[in-house]
Amino acid sequence: MGSRIKFFLLYYLYWLFIFFLAKILFLLYHIGLTANLTLSDIAGIFVHGFMLDLSASSYLVLLPL
């Protein structure tokens, strides 16, 4: 039972990492536009996006659960 919980936790963290990496790659791809953003705007992208990432990761973990 413990190994199964550990698997789902790691699976959840995996998806959170993938979404975080996707945000970084997106900002790097659009570096010209990203350069015009303030540090608080960039932080806001990650903070507000994290809420959506938690939700999307939960849905993705729900499927194998």
PDB file of N, CA and C in Angstrom:
ATOM      1  N   MET A   1       0.814  -1.193   0.000  1.00  0.00           N
ATOM      2  CA  MET A   1       0.000   0.000   0.000  1.00  0.00           C
ATOM      3  C   MET A   1       0.861   1.261   0.000  1.00  0.00           C
ATOM      4  N   GLY A   2       1.914   1.282   0.787  1.00  0.00           N
ATOM      5  CA  GLY A   2       2.787   2.439   0.852  1.00  0.00           C
ATOM      6  C   GLY A   2       3.486   2.717  -0.460  1.00  0.00           C
ATOM      7  N   SER A   3       3.864   1.650  -1.169  1.00  0.00           N
ATOM      8  CA  SER A   3       4.538   1.843  -2.451  1.00  0.00           C
ATOM      9  C   SER A   3       3.577   2.430  -3.491  1.00  0.00           C
ATOM     10  N   ARG A   4       2.333   2.099  -3.378  1.00  0.00           N
ATOM     11  CA  ARG A   4       1.339   2.633  -4.312  1.00  0.00           C
ATOM     12  C   ARG A   4       1.121   4.132  -4.075  1.00  0.00           C
ATOM     13  N   ILE A   5       1.069   4.527  -2.821  1.00  0.00           N
ATOM     14  CA  ILE A   5       0.932   5.946  -2.493  1.00  0.00           C
ATOM     15  C   ILE A   5       2.165   6.706  -2.954  1.00  0.00           C
ATOM     16  N   LYS A   6       3.330   6.104  -2.751  1.00  0.00           N
ATOM     17  CA  LYS A   6       4.574   6.732  -3.188  1.00  0.00           C
ATOM     18  C   LYS A   6       4.581   6.908  -4.704  1.00  0.00           C
ATOM     19  N   PHE A   7       4.093   5.905  -5.437  1.00  0.00           N
ATOM     20  CA  PHE A   7       4.022   5.991  -6.894  1.00  0.00           C
ATOM     21  C   PHE A   7       3.141   7.155  -7.321  1.00  0.00           C
ATOM     22  N   PHE A   8       1.952   7.287  -6.725  1.00  0.00           N
ATOM     23  CA  PHE A   8       1.043   8.359  -7.121  1.00  0.00           C
ATOM     24  C   PHE A   8       1.594   9.732  -6.745  1.00  0.00           C
ATOM     25  N   LEU A   9       2.280   9.825  -5.619  1.00  0.00           N
ATOM     26  CA  LEU A   9       2.892  11.084  -5.237  1.00  0.00           C
ATOM     27  C   LEU A   9       3.997  11.471  -6.223  1.00  0.00           C
ATOM     28  N   LEU A  10       4.837  10.511  -6.588  1.00  0.00           N
ATOM     29  CA  LEU A  10       5.892  10.780  -7.568  1.00  0.00           C
ATOM     30  C   LEU A  10       5.316  11.096  -8.936  1.00  0.00           C
ATOM     31  N   TYR A  11       4.239  10.423  -9.303  1.00  0.00           N
ATOM     32  CA  TYR A  11       3.563  10.674 -10.574  1.00  0.00           C
ATOM     33  C   TYR A  11       2.991  12.090 -10.592  1.00  0.00           C
ATOM     34  N   TYR A  12       2.431  12.528  -9.465  1.00  0.00           N
ATOM     35  CA  TYR A  12       1.889  13.874  -9.324  1.00  0.00           C
ATOM     36  C   TYR A  12       3.007  14.911  -9.438  1.00  0.00           C
ATOM     37  N   LEU A  13       4.099  14.678  -8.745  1.00  0.00           N
ATOM     38  CA  LEU A  13       5.238  15.597  -8.803  1.00  0.00           C
ATOM     39  C   LEU A  13       5.862  15.632 -10.192  1.00  0.00           C
ATOM     40  N   TYR A  14       5.850  14.492 -10.884  1.00  0.00           N
ATOM     41  CA  TYR A  14       6.354  14.438 -12.255  1.00  0.00           C
ATOM     42  C   TYR A  14       5.574  15.401 -13.143  1.00  0.00           C
ATOM     43  N   TRP A  15       4.245  15.380 -13.060  1.00  0.00           N
ATOM     44  CA  TRP A  15       3.432  16.251 -13.892  1.00  0.00           C
ATOM     45  C   TRP A  15       3.608  17.711 -13.510  1.00  0.00           C
ATOM     46  N   LEU A  16       3.760  17.988 -12.221  1.00  0.00           N
ATOM     47  CA  LEU A  16       4.026  19.366 -11.808  1.00  0.00           C
ATOM     48  C   LEU A  16       5.340  19.853 -12.397  1.00  0.00           C
ATOM     49  N   PHE A  17       6.348  19.006 -12.402  1.00  0.00           N
ATOM     50  CA  PHE A  17       7.637  19.367 -12.976  1.00  0.00           C
ATOM     51  C   PHE A  17       7.525  19.599 -14.481  1.00  0.00           C
ATOM     52  N   ILE A  18       6.781  18.761 -15.175  1.00  0.00           N
ATOM     53  CA  ILE A  18       6.591  18.911 -16.620  1.00  0.00           C
ATOM     54  C   ILE A  18       5.911  20.244 -16.933  1.00  0.00           C
ATOM     55  N   PHE A  19       4.891  20.600 -16.166  1.00  0.00           N
ATOM     56  CA  PHE A  19       4.205  21.881 -16.392  1.00  0.00           C
ATOM     57  C   PHE A  19       5.124  23.058 -16.092  1.00  0.00           C
ATOM     58  N   PHE A  20       5.933  22.949 -15.035  1.00  0.00           N
ATOM     59  CA  PHE A  20       6.882  24.001 -14.694  1.00  0.00           C
ATOM     60  C   PHE A  20       7.912  24.167 -15.814  1.00  0.00           C
ATOM     61  N   LEU A  21       8.408  23.056 -16.312  1.00  0.00           N
ATOM     62  CA  LEU A  21       9.376  23.084 -17.405  1.00  0.00           C
ATOM     63  C   LEU A  21       8.760  23.671 -18.668  1.00  0.00           C
ATOM     64  N   ALA A  22       7.502  23.353 -18.918  1.00  0.00           N
ATOM     65  CA  ALA A  22       6.818  23.896 -20.097  1.00  0.00           C
ATOM     66  C   ALA A  22       6.697  25.416 -20.013  1.00  0.00           C
ATOM     67  N   LYS A  23       6.439  25.943 -18.814  1.00  0.00           N
ATOM     68  CA  LYS A  23       6.372  27.399 -18.655  1.00  0.00           C
ATOM     69  C   LYS A  23       7.720  28.042 -18.946  1.00  0.00           C
ATOM     70  N   ILE A  24       8.780  27.451 -18.440  1.00  0.00           N
ATOM     71  CA  ILE A  24      10.120  27.988 -18.682  1.00  0.00           C
ATOM     72  C   ILE A  24      10.452  27.954 -20.168  1.00  0.00           C
ATOM     73  N   LEU A  25      10.178  26.848 -20.816  1.00  0.00           N
ATOM     74  CA  LEU A  25      10.462  26.734 -22.244  1.00  0.00           C
ATOM     75  C   LEU A  25       9.624  27.714 -23.059  1.00  0.00           C
ATOM     76  N   PHE A  26       8.387  27.921 -22.675  1.00  0.00           N
ATOM     77  CA  PHE A  26       7.530  28.875 -23.369  1.00  0.00           C
ATOM     78  C   PHE A  26       8.084  30.293 -23.242  1.00  0.00           C
ATOM     79  N   LEU A  27       8.501  30.663 -22.031  1.00  0.00           N
ATOM     80  CA  LEU A  27       9.057  32.001 -21.829  1.00  0.00           C
ATOM     81  C   LEU A  27      10.373  32.166 -22.572  1.00  0.00           C
ATOM     82  N   LEU A  28      11.173  31.116 -22.638  1.00  0.00           N
ATOM     83  CA  LEU A  28      12.427  31.189 -23.385  1.00  0.00           C
ATOM     84  C   LEU A  28      12.187  31.258 -24.889  1.00  0.00           C
ATOM     85  N   TYR A  29      11.177  30.559 -25.364  1.00  0.00           N
ATOM     86  CA  TYR A  29      10.852  30.584 -26.789  1.00  0.00           C
ATOM     87  C   TYR A  29      10.420  31.986 -27.218  1.00  0.00           C
ATOM     88  N   HIS A  30       9.701  32.658 -26.326  1.00  0.00           N
ATOM     89  CA  HIS A  30       9.232  34.018 -26.596  1.00  0.00           C
ATOM     90  C   HIS A  30      10.085  35.024 -25.819  1.00  0.00           C
ATOM     91  N   ILE A  31      11.393  34.866 -25.889  1.00  0.00           N
ATOM     92  CA  ILE A  31      12.310  35.676 -25.090  1.00  0.00           C
ATOM     93  C   ILE A  31      12.187  37.167 -25.418  1.00  0.00           C
ATOM     94  N   GLY A  32      11.856  37.486 -26.647  1.00  0.00           N
ATOM     95  CA  GLY A  32      11.682  38.889 -27.019  1.00  0.00           C
ATOM     96  C   GLY A  32      10.545  39.540 -26.254  1.00  0.00           C
ATOM     97  N   LEU A  33       9.455  38.834 -26.110  1.00  0.00           N
ATOM     98  CA  LEU A  33       8.317  39.357 -25.351  1.00  0.00           C
ATOM     99  C   LEU A  33       8.541  39.225 -23.849  1.00  0.00           C
ATOM    100  N   THR A  34       9.227  38.175 -23.452  1.00  0.00           N
ATOM    101  CA  THR A  34       9.505  37.953 -22.028  1.00  0.00           C
ATOM    102  C   THR A  34      10.411  39.050 -21.474  1.00  0.00           C
ATOM    103  N   ALA A  35      11.290  39.562 -22.303  1.00  0.00           N
ATOM    104  CA  ALA A  35      12.209  40.608 -21.850  1.00  0.00           C
ATOM    105  C   ALA A  35      11.470  41.883 -21.456  1.00  0.00           C
ATOM    106  N   ASN A  36      10.281  42.075 -21.988  1.00  0.00           N
ATOM    107  CA  ASN A  36       9.493  43.265 -21.643  1.00  0.00           C
ATOM    108  C   ASN A  36       8.727  43.117 -20.339  1.00  0.00           C
ATOM    109  N   LEU A  37       8.684  41.918 -19.781  1.00  0.00           N
ATOM    110  CA  LEU A  37       7.932  41.674 -18.548  1.00  0.00           C
ATOM    111  C   LEU A  37       8.758  42.055 -17.331  1.00  0.00           C
ATOM    112  N   THR A  38       8.061  42.479 -16.293  1.00  0.00           N
ATOM    113  CA  THR A  38       8.749  42.761 -15.032  1.00  0.00           C
ATOM    114  C   THR A  38       8.921  41.444 -14.273  1.00  0.00           C
ATOM    115  N   LEU A  39       9.745  41.499 -13.251  1.00  0.00           N
ATOM    116  CA  LEU A  39       9.970  40.303 -12.433  1.00  0.00           C
ATOM    117  C   LEU A  39       8.696  39.868 -11.731  1.00  0.00           C
ATOM    118  N   SER A  40       7.874  40.822 -11.334  1.00  0.00           N
ATOM    119  CA  SER A  40       6.607  40.466 -10.681  1.00  0.00           C
ATOM    120  C   SER A  40       5.641  39.823 -11.672  1.00  0.00           C
ATOM    121  N   ASP A  41       5.685  40.229 -12.939  1.00  0.00           N
ATOM    122  CA  ASP A  41       4.849  39.585 -13.959  1.00  0.00           C
ATOM    123  C   ASP A  41       5.269  38.134 -14.162  1.00  0.00           C
ATOM    124  N   ILE A  42       6.560  37.909 -14.228  1.00  0.00           N
ATOM    125  CA  ILE A  42       7.069  36.550 -14.418  1.00  0.00           C
ATOM    126  C   ILE A  42       6.739  35.686 -13.205  1.00  0.00           C
ATOM    127  N   ALA A  43       6.897  36.258 -12.010  1.00  0.00           N
ATOM    128  CA  ALA A  43       6.540  35.522 -10.792  1.00  0.00           C
ATOM    129  C   ALA A  43       5.048  35.207 -10.789  1.00  0.00           C
ATOM    130  N   GLY A  44       4.239  36.144 -11.255  1.00  0.00           N
ATOM    131  CA  GLY A  44       2.797  35.925 -11.331  1.00  0.00           C
ATOM    132  C   GLY A  44       2.436  34.797 -12.280  1.00  0.00           C
ATOM    133  N   ILE A  45       3.183  34.683 -13.361  1.00  0.00           N
ATOM    134  CA  ILE A  45       2.952  33.590 -14.308  1.00  0.00           C
ATOM    135  C   ILE A  45       3.121  32.251 -13.608  1.00  0.00           C
ATOM    136  N   PHE A  46       4.181  32.139 -12.815  1.00  0.00           N
ATOM    137  CA  PHE A  46       4.448  30.884 -12.139  1.00  0.00           C
ATOM    138  C   PHE A  46       3.503  30.634 -10.960  1.00  0.00           C
ATOM    139  N   VAL A  47       3.160  31.678 -10.214  1.00  0.00           N
ATOM    140  CA  VAL A  47       2.273  31.505  -9.057  1.00  0.00           C
ATOM    141  C   VAL A  47       0.858  31.166  -9.495  1.00  0.00           C
ATOM    142  N   HIS A  48       0.308  31.953 -10.411  1.00  0.00           N
ATOM    143  CA  HIS A  48      -1.061  31.697 -10.857  1.00  0.00           C
ATOM    144  C   HIS A  48      -1.136  30.427 -11.705  1.00  0.00           C
ATOM    145  N   GLY A  49      -0.087  30.170 -12.461  1.00  0.00           N
ATOM    146  CA  GLY A  49      -0.048  28.943 -13.245  1.00  0.00           C
ATOM    147  C   GLY A  49       0.059  27.711 -12.381  1.00  0.00           C
ATOM    148  N   PHE A  50       0.688  27.858 -11.205  1.00  0.00           N
ATOM    149  CA  PHE A  50       0.833  26.713 -10.303  1.00  0.00           C
ATOM    150  C   PHE A  50      -0.527  26.197  -9.842  1.00  0.00           C
ATOM    151  N   MET A  51      -1.468  27.100  -9.633  1.00  0.00           N
ATOM    152  CA  MET A  51      -2.823  26.677  -9.237  1.00  0.00           C
ATOM    153  C   MET A  51      -3.468  25.834 -10.337  1.00  0.00           C
ATOM    154  N   LEU A  52      -3.296  26.249 -11.565  1.00  0.00           N
ATOM    155  CA  LEU A  52      -3.830  25.473 -12.680  1.00  0.00           C
ATOM    156  C   LEU A  52      -3.077  24.146 -12.839  1.00  0.00           C
ATOM    157  N   ASP A  53      -1.780  24.179 -12.583  1.00  0.00           N
ATOM    158  CA  ASP A  53      -0.976  22.963 -12.679  1.00  0.00           C
ATOM    159  C   ASP A  53      -1.393  21.945 -11.631  1.00  0.00           C
ATOM    160  N   LEU A  54      -1.711  22.402 -10.423  1.00  0.00           N
ATOM    161  CA  LEU A  54      -2.193  21.488  -9.385  1.00  0.00           C
ATOM    162  C   LEU A  54      -3.479  20.804  -9.830  1.00  0.00           C
ATOM    163  N   SER A  55      -4.359  21.567 -10.429  1.00  0.00           N
ATOM    164  CA  SER A  55      -5.629  21.019 -10.895  1.00  0.00           C
ATOM    165  C   SER A  55      -5.422  20.028 -12.037  1.00  0.00           C
ATOM    166  N   ALA A  56      -4.629  20.416 -13.022  1.00  0.00           N
ATOM    167  CA  ALA A  56      -4.397  19.533 -14.172  1.00  0.00           C
ATOM    168  C   ALA A  56      -3.668  18.264 -13.749  1.00  0.00           C
ATOM    169  N   SER A  57      -2.716  18.382 -12.840  1.00  0.00           N
ATOM    170  CA  SER A  57      -1.988  17.206 -12.354  1.00  0.00           C
ATOM    171  C   SER A  57      -2.924  16.275 -11.602  1.00  0.00           C
ATOM    172  N   SER A  58      -3.849  16.848 -10.861  1.00  0.00           N
ATOM    173  CA  SER A  58      -4.817  16.018 -10.137  1.00  0.00           C
ATOM    174  C   SER A  58      -5.675  15.209 -11.101  1.00  0.00           C
ATOM    175  N   TYR A  59      -6.098  15.852 -12.185  1.00  0.00           N
ATOM    176  CA  TYR A  59      -6.884  15.125 -13.179  1.00  0.00           C
ATOM    177  C   TYR A  59      -6.058  14.015 -13.833  1.00  0.00           C
ATOM    178  N   LEU A  60      -4.789  14.283 -14.088  1.00  0.00           N
ATOM    179  CA  LEU A  60      -3.945  13.274 -14.720  1.00  0.00           C
ATOM    180  C   LEU A  60      -3.630  12.103 -13.779  1.00  0.00           C
ATOM    181  N   VAL A  61      -3.549  12.377 -12.499  1.00  0.00           N
ATOM    182  CA  VAL A  61      -3.308  11.309 -11.522  1.00  0.00           C
ATOM    183  C   VAL A  61      -4.592  10.506 -11.291  1.00  0.00           C
ATOM    184  N   LEU A  62      -5.719  11.173 -11.460  1.00  0.00           N
ATOM    185  CA  LEU A  62      -6.999  10.496 -11.259  1.00  0.00           C
ATOM    186  C   LEU A  62      -7.197   9.354 -12.254  1.00  0.00           C
ATOM    187  N   LEU A  63      -6.715   9.514 -13.467  1.00  0.00           N
ATOM    188  CA  LEU A  63      -6.916   8.487 -14.488  1.00  0.00           C
ATOM    189  C   LEU A  63      -6.310   7.131 -14.086  1.00  0.00           C
ATOM    190  N   PRO A  64      -5.037   7.052 -13.706  1.00  0.00           N
ATOM    191  CA  PRO A  64      -4.521   5.741 -13.300  1.00  0.00           C
ATOM    192  C   PRO A  64      -5.013   5.291 -11.920  1.00  0.00           C
ATOM    193  N   LEU A  65      -5.471   6.245 -11.100  1.00  0.00           N
ATOM    194  CA  LEU A  65      -5.958   5.897  -9.771  1.00  0.00           C
ATOM    195  C   LEU A  65      -7.242   5.101  -9.878  1.00  0.00           C
TER     196      LEU A  65
END
